[in-house]
Amino acid sequence: GASRITIFATCGWTLECEDWFTVEPASGVKGISESVITTQPNNTGSPRKGTIILKAGTYTSTYTFTQAGL
């Protein structure tokens, strides 16, 4: 599925993620930005964990997600 996130930043920023996430755009500039995060189906039969890392200047924050397997 896809989710929209809003980023409020005081400098340029980037989002880094696992290969089963798609983030567009994955970077931005100072101000308010919106990105769309899309996940690919998990056909492994087992849950999988992934991370999205937000970097802005010296700030770094990691968000962990678990996706159920189909």
PDB file of N, CA and C in Angstrom:
ATOM      1  N   GLY A   1       0.808  -1.171   0.000  1.00  0.00           N
ATOM      2  CA  GLY A   1       0.000   0.000   0.000  1.00  0.00           C
ATOM      3  C   GLY A   1       0.858   1.244   0.000  1.00  0.00           C
ATOM      4  N   ALA A   2       0.200   2.366  -0.057  1.00  0.00           N
ATOM      5  CA  ALA A   2       0.903   3.655  -0.090  1.00  0.00           C
ATOM      6  C   ALA A   2       0.415   4.545   1.047  1.00  0.00           C
ATOM      7  N   SER A   3       1.342   5.312   1.602  1.00  0.00           N
ATOM      8  CA  SER A   3       1.026   6.279   2.651  1.00  0.00           C
ATOM      9  C   SER A   3       1.737   7.580   2.346  1.00  0.00           C
ATOM     10  N   ARG A   4       1.107   8.685   2.686  1.00  0.00           N
ATOM     11  CA  ARG A   4       1.714  10.003   2.520  1.00  0.00           C
ATOM     12  C   ARG A   4       2.227  10.473   3.871  1.00  0.00           C
ATOM     13  N   ILE A   5       3.421  11.081   3.852  1.00  0.00           N
ATOM     14  CA  ILE A   5       3.961  11.669   5.070  1.00  0.00           C
ATOM     15  C   ILE A   5       4.314  13.119   4.782  1.00  0.00           C
ATOM     16  N   THR A   6       4.213  13.939   5.806  1.00  0.00           N
ATOM     17  CA  THR A   6       4.582  15.350   5.696  1.00  0.00           C
ATOM     18  C   THR A   6       5.834  15.573   6.526  1.00  0.00           C
ATOM     19  N   ILE A   7       6.806  16.254   5.934  1.00  0.00           N
ATOM     20  CA  ILE A   7       8.074  16.518   6.598  1.00  0.00           C
ATOM     21  C   ILE A   7       8.220  18.028   6.767  1.00  0.00           C
ATOM     22  N   PHE A   8       8.452  18.460   7.998  1.00  0.00           N
ATOM     23  CA  PHE A   8       8.726  19.859   8.312  1.00  0.00           C
ATOM     24  C   PHE A   8      10.213  19.949   8.623  1.00  0.00           C
ATOM     25  N   ALA A   9      11.003  20.584   7.772  1.00  0.00           N
ATOM     26  CA  ALA A   9      12.454  20.595   7.949  1.00  0.00           C
ATOM     27  C   ALA A   9      13.009  22.019   7.898  1.00  0.00           C
ATOM     28  N   THR A  10      14.071  22.242   8.645  1.00  0.00           N
ATOM     29  CA  THR A  10      14.752  23.542   8.648  1.00  0.00           C
ATOM     30  C   THR A  10      15.979  23.535   7.746  1.00  0.00           C
ATOM     31  N   CYS A  11      16.183  22.408   7.021  1.00  0.00           N
ATOM     32  CA  CYS A  11      17.303  22.284   6.082  1.00  0.00           C
ATOM     33  C   CYS A  11      16.960  21.171   5.094  1.00  0.00           C
ATOM     34  N   GLY A  12      17.860  20.886   4.170  1.00  0.00           N
ATOM     35  CA  GLY A  12      17.646  19.785   3.243  1.00  0.00           C
ATOM     36  C   GLY A  12      17.553  18.455   3.992  1.00  0.00           C
ATOM     37  N   TRP A  13      16.849  17.492   3.420  1.00  0.00           N
ATOM     38  CA  TRP A  13      16.641  16.211   4.086  1.00  0.00           C
ATOM     39  C   TRP A  13      16.666  15.075   3.068  1.00  0.00           C
ATOM     40  N   THR A  14      16.868  13.841   3.555  1.00  0.00           N
ATOM     41  CA  THR A  14      16.801  12.639   2.728  1.00  0.00           C
ATOM     42  C   THR A  14      16.107  11.529   3.509  1.00  0.00           C
ATOM     43  N   LEU A  15      15.501  10.612   2.777  1.00  0.00           N
ATOM     44  CA  LEU A  15      14.925   9.401   3.348  1.00  0.00           C
ATOM     45  C   LEU A  15      15.619   8.207   2.705  1.00  0.00           C
ATOM     46  N   GLU A  16      16.111   7.285   3.534  1.00  0.00           N
ATOM     47  CA  GLU A  16      16.737   6.060   3.058  1.00  0.00           C
ATOM     48  C   GLU A  16      15.895   4.894   3.537  1.00  0.00           C
ATOM     49  N   CYS A  17      15.765   3.847   2.696  1.00  0.00           N
ATOM     50  CA  CYS A  17      14.881   2.748   3.086  1.00  0.00           C
ATOM     51  C   CYS A  17      15.316   1.417   2.480  1.00  0.00           C
ATOM     52  N   GLU A  18      14.666   0.357   2.950  1.00  0.00           N
ATOM     53  CA  GLU A  18      14.879  -0.987   2.420  1.00  0.00           C
ATOM     54  C   GLU A  18      14.407  -1.034   0.969  1.00  0.00           C
ATOM     55  N   ASP A  19      14.848  -2.050   0.238  1.00  0.00           N
ATOM     56  CA  ASP A  19      14.497  -2.124  -1.181  1.00  0.00           C
ATOM     57  C   ASP A  19      13.030  -2.469  -1.437  1.00  0.00           C
ATOM     58  N   TRP A  20      12.283  -2.894  -0.419  1.00  0.00           N
ATOM     59  CA  TRP A  20      10.873  -3.185  -0.651  1.00  0.00           C
ATOM     60  C   TRP A  20       9.968  -1.981  -0.371  1.00  0.00           C
ATOM     61  N   PHE A  21      10.585  -0.851  -0.044  1.00  0.00           N
ATOM     62  CA  PHE A  21       9.885   0.434   0.048  1.00  0.00           C
ATOM     63  C   PHE A  21      10.241   1.261  -1.193  1.00  0.00           C
ATOM     64  N   THR A  22       9.311   2.064  -1.640  1.00  0.00           N
ATOM     65  CA  THR A  22       9.597   3.090  -2.633  1.00  0.00           C
ATOM     66  C   THR A  22       9.205   4.410  -1.993  1.00  0.00           C
ATOM     67  N   VAL A  23      10.101   5.393  -2.012  1.00  0.00           N
ATOM     68  CA  VAL A  23       9.830   6.705  -1.431  1.00  0.00           C
ATOM     69  C   VAL A  23      10.010   7.752  -2.518  1.00  0.00           C
ATOM     70  N   GLU A  24       8.972   8.549  -2.737  1.00  0.00           N
ATOM     71  CA  GLU A  24       9.049   9.597  -3.758  1.00  0.00           C
ATOM     72  C   GLU A  24       8.407  10.865  -3.261  1.00  0.00           C
ATOM     73  N   PRO A  25       9.094  11.979  -3.221  1.00  0.00           N
ATOM     74  CA  PRO A  25      10.533  12.069  -3.425  1.00  0.00           C
ATOM     75  C   PRO A  25      11.277  11.594  -2.187  1.00  0.00           C
ATOM     76  N   ALA A  26      12.535  11.183  -2.385  1.00  0.00           N
ATOM     77  CA  ALA A  26      13.364  10.676  -1.296  1.00  0.00           C
ATOM     78  C   ALA A  26      14.257  11.760  -0.710  1.00  0.00           C
ATOM     79  N   SER A  27      14.102  12.990  -1.185  1.00  0.00           N
ATOM     80  CA  SER A  27      14.875  14.098  -0.627  1.00  0.00           C
ATOM     81  C   SER A  27      14.104  15.393  -0.854  1.00  0.00           C
ATOM     82  N   GLY A  28      14.480  16.405  -0.085  1.00  0.00           N
ATOM     83  CA  GLY A  28      13.800  17.686  -0.214  1.00  0.00           C
ATOM     84  C   GLY A  28      14.626  18.809   0.387  1.00  0.00           C
ATOM     85  N   VAL A  29      14.046  19.974   0.382  1.00  0.00           N
ATOM     86  CA  VAL A  29      14.718  21.170   0.864  1.00  0.00           C
ATOM     87  C   VAL A  29      13.992  21.714   2.095  1.00  0.00           C
ATOM     88  N   LYS A  30      14.532  22.764   2.653  1.00  0.00           N
ATOM     89  CA  LYS A  30      13.947  23.425   3.817  1.00  0.00           C
ATOM     90  C   LYS A  30      12.483  23.772   3.554  1.00  0.00           C
ATOM     91  N   GLY A  31      11.662  23.570   4.565  1.00  0.00           N
ATOM     92  CA  GLY A  31      10.247  23.899   4.453  1.00  0.00           C
ATOM     93  C   GLY A  31       9.379  22.676   4.697  1.00  0.00           C
ATOM     94  N   ILE A  32       8.174  22.728   4.162  1.00  0.00           N
ATOM     95  CA  ILE A  32       7.214  21.639   4.316  1.00  0.00           C
ATOM     96  C   ILE A  32       7.181  20.850   3.015  1.00  0.00           C
ATOM     97  N   SER A  33       7.371  19.532   3.135  1.00  0.00           N
ATOM     98  CA  SER A  33       7.375  18.650   1.970  1.00  0.00           C
ATOM     99  C   SER A  33       6.465  17.467   2.230  1.00  0.00           C
ATOM    100  N   GLU A  34       6.044  16.820   1.162  1.00  0.00           N
ATOM    101  CA  GLU A  34       5.251  15.603   1.282  1.00  0.00           C
ATOM    102  C   GLU A  34       5.906  14.516   0.449  1.00  0.00           C
ATOM    103  N   SER A  35       6.012  13.316   1.008  1.00  0.00           N
ATOM    104  CA  SER A  35       6.532  12.156   0.295  1.00  0.00           C
ATOM    105  C   SER A  35       5.500  11.047   0.354  1.00  0.00           C
ATOM    106  N   VAL A  36       5.542  10.177  -0.632  1.00  0.00           N
ATOM    107  CA  VAL A  36       4.671   8.997  -0.672  1.00  0.00           C
ATOM    108  C   VAL A  36       5.548   7.766  -0.493  1.00  0.00           C
ATOM    109  N   ILE A  37       5.198   6.950   0.494  1.00  0.00           N
ATOM    110  CA  ILE A  37       5.910   5.704   0.764  1.00  0.00           C
ATOM    111  C   ILE A  37       5.017   4.554   0.319  1.00  0.00           C
ATOM    112  N   THR A  38       5.553   3.720  -0.574  1.00  0.00           N
ATOM    113  CA  THR A  38       4.817   2.573  -1.095  1.00  0.00           C
ATOM    114  C   THR A  38       5.577   1.304  -0.727  1.00  0.00           C
ATOM    115  N   THR A  39       4.856   0.284  -0.266  1.00  0.00           N
ATOM    116  CA  THR A  39       5.486  -0.996   0.055  1.00  0.00           C
ATOM    117  C   THR A  39       5.118  -2.026  -1.006  1.00  0.00           C
ATOM    118  N   GLN A  40       6.063  -2.892  -1.290  1.00  0.00           N
ATOM    119  CA  GLN A  40       5.823  -4.000  -2.211  1.00  0.00           C
ATOM    120  C   GLN A  40       5.215  -5.157  -1.422  1.00  0.00           C
ATOM    121  N   PRO A  41       4.412  -6.005  -2.055  1.00  0.00           N
ATOM    122  CA  PRO A  41       3.816  -7.143  -1.344  1.00  0.00           C
ATOM    123  C   PRO A  41       4.894  -8.067  -0.759  1.00  0.00           C
ATOM    124  N   ASN A  42       4.605  -8.619   0.398  1.00  0.00           N
ATOM    125  CA  ASN A  42       5.512  -9.568   1.052  1.00  0.00           C
ATOM    126  C   ASN A  42       4.984 -10.978   0.798  1.00  0.00           C
ATOM    127  N   ASN A  43       5.510 -11.639  -0.198  1.00  0.00           N
ATOM    128  CA  ASN A  43       5.059 -12.977  -0.573  1.00  0.00           C
ATOM    129  C   ASN A  43       5.905 -14.081   0.046  1.00  0.00           C
ATOM    130  N   THR A  44       6.677 -13.753   1.085  1.00  0.00           N
ATOM    131  CA  THR A  44       7.583 -14.727   1.695  1.00  0.00           C
ATOM    132  C   THR A  44       6.880 -15.683   2.651  1.00  0.00           C
ATOM    133  N   GLY A  45       5.686 -15.323   3.113  1.00  0.00           N
ATOM    134  CA  GLY A  45       4.995 -16.145   4.094  1.00  0.00           C
ATOM    135  C   GLY A  45       5.393 -15.836   5.527  1.00  0.00           C
ATOM    136  N   SER A  46       6.416 -15.010   5.706  1.00  0.00           N
ATOM    137  CA  SER A  46       6.880 -14.632   7.036  1.00  0.00           C
ATOM    138  C   SER A  46       6.896 -13.117   7.160  1.00  0.00           C
ATOM    139  N   PRO A  47       6.695 -12.606   8.378  1.00  0.00           N
ATOM    140  CA  PRO A  47       6.795 -11.154   8.561  1.00  0.00           C
ATOM    141  C   PRO A  47       8.204 -10.671   8.235  1.00  0.00           C
ATOM    142  N   ARG A  48       8.315  -9.439   7.767  1.00  0.00           N
ATOM    143  CA  ARG A  48       9.630  -8.845   7.541  1.00  0.00           C
ATOM    144  C   ARG A  48       9.651  -7.451   8.138  1.00  0.00           C
ATOM    145  N   LYS A  49      10.846  -7.069   8.599  1.00  0.00           N
ATOM    146  CA  LYS A  49      11.026  -5.742   9.180  1.00  0.00           C
ATOM    147  C   LYS A  49      11.850  -4.897   8.228  1.00  0.00           C
ATOM    148  N   GLY A  50      11.534  -3.620   8.196  1.00  0.00           N
ATOM    149  CA  GLY A  50      12.286  -2.683   7.390  1.00  0.00           C
ATOM    150  C   GLY A  50      12.384  -1.362   8.107  1.00  0.00           C
ATOM    151  N   THR A  51      13.315  -0.542   7.680  1.00  0.00           N
ATOM    152  CA  THR A  51      13.508   0.759   8.295  1.00  0.00           C
ATOM    153  C   THR A  51      13.488   1.858   7.244  1.00  0.00           C
ATOM    154  N   ILE A  52      13.058   3.013   7.682  1.00  0.00           N
ATOM    155  CA  ILE A  52      13.179   4.235   6.915  1.00  0.00           C
ATOM    156  C   ILE A  52      13.956   5.194   7.797  1.00  0.00           C
ATOM    157  N   ILE A  53      15.024   5.752   7.245  1.00  0.00           N
ATOM    158  CA  ILE A  53      15.887   6.653   8.008  1.00  0.00           C
ATOM    159  C   ILE A  53      15.740   8.057   7.437  1.00  0.00           C
ATOM    160  N   LEU A  54      15.366   8.988   8.289  1.00  0.00           N
ATOM    161  CA  LEU A  54      15.257  10.401   7.929  1.00  0.00           C
ATOM    162  C   LEU A  54      16.522  11.098   8.387  1.00  0.00           C
ATOM    163  N   LYS A  55      17.191  11.788   7.456  1.00  0.00           N
ATOM    164  CA  LYS A  55      18.390  12.567   7.786  1.00  0.00           C
ATOM    165  C   LYS A  55      18.159  14.003   7.344  1.00  0.00           C
ATOM    166  N   ALA A  56      18.407  14.928   8.270  1.00  0.00           N
ATOM    167  CA  ALA A  56      18.284  16.358   7.988  1.00  0.00           C
ATOM    168  C   ALA A  56      19.363  17.081   8.778  1.00  0.00           C
ATOM    169  N   GLY A  57      20.382  17.572   8.090  1.00  0.00           N
ATOM    170  CA  GLY A  57      21.503  18.191   8.797  1.00  0.00           C
ATOM    171  C   GLY A  57      22.164  17.183   9.713  1.00  0.00           C
ATOM    172  N   THR A  58      22.303  17.504  10.991  1.00  0.00           N
ATOM    173  CA  THR A  58      22.896  16.578  11.960  1.00  0.00           C
ATOM    174  C   THR A  58      21.849  15.658  12.600  1.00  0.00           C
ATOM    175  N   TYR A  59      20.570  15.843  12.262  1.00  0.00           N
ATOM    176  CA  TYR A  59      19.476  15.048  12.825  1.00  0.00           C
ATOM    177  C   TYR A  59      19.306  13.759  12.033  1.00  0.00           C
ATOM    178  N   THR A  60      19.165  12.642  12.746  1.00  0.00           N
ATOM    179  CA  THR A  60      18.847  11.353  12.140  1.00  0.00           C
ATOM    180  C   THR A  60      17.789  10.673  12.982  1.00  0.00           C
ATOM    181  N   SER A  61      16.767  10.125  12.320  1.00  0.00           N
ATOM    182  CA  SER A  61      15.730   9.390  13.034  1.00  0.00           C
ATOM    183  C   SER A  61      15.393   8.127  12.230  1.00  0.00           C
ATOM    184  N   THR A  62      15.280   7.001  12.933  1.00  0.00           N
ATOM    185  CA  THR A  62      15.000   5.728  12.293  1.00  0.00           C
ATOM    186  C   THR A  62      13.603   5.247  12.676  1.00  0.00           C
ATOM    187  N   TYR A  63      12.835   4.840  11.686  1.00  0.00           N
ATOM    188  CA  TYR A  63      11.477   4.319  11.885  1.00  0.00           C
ATOM    189  C   TYR A  63      11.462   2.880  11.407  1.00  0.00           C
ATOM    190  N   THR A  64      10.996   1.977  12.258  1.00  0.00           N
ATOM    191  CA  THR A  64      10.977   0.545  11.950  1.00  0.00           C
ATOM    192  C   THR A  64       9.544   0.096  11.686  1.00  0.00           C
ATOM    193  N   PHE A  65       9.379  -0.700  10.636  1.00  0.00           N
ATOM    194  CA  PHE A  65       8.072  -1.192  10.235  1.00  0.00           C
ATOM    195  C   PHE A  65       8.124  -2.705  10.101  1.00  0.00           C
ATOM    196  N   THR A  66       7.015  -3.368  10.422  1.00  0.00           N
ATOM    197  CA  THR A  66       6.889  -4.805  10.215  1.00  0.00           C
ATOM    198  C   THR A  66       5.740  -5.031   9.251  1.00  0.00           C
ATOM    199  N   GLN A  67       6.000  -5.851   8.229  1.00  0.00           N
ATOM    200  CA  GLN A  67       4.976  -6.168   7.230  1.00  0.00           C
ATOM    201  C   GLN A  67       4.673  -7.663   7.307  1.00  0.00           C
ATOM    202  N   ALA A  68       3.410  -8.014   7.451  1.00  0.00           N
ATOM    203  CA  ALA A  68       3.001  -9.411   7.519  1.00  0.00           C
ATOM    204  C   ALA A  68       3.269 -10.103   6.193  1.00  0.00           C
ATOM    205  N   GLY A  69       3.581 -11.386   6.246  1.00  0.00           N
ATOM    206  CA  GLY A  69       3.793 -12.169   5.038  1.00  0.00           C
ATOM    207  C   GLY A  69       2.491 -12.726   4.517  1.00  0.00           C
ATOM    208  N   LEU A  70       2.418 -12.903   3.210  1.00  0.00           N
ATOM    209  CA  LEU A  70       1.217 -13.473   2.566  1.00  0.00           C
ATOM    210  C   LEU A  70       1.397 -14.945   2.323  1.00  0.00           C
TER     211      LEU A  70
END
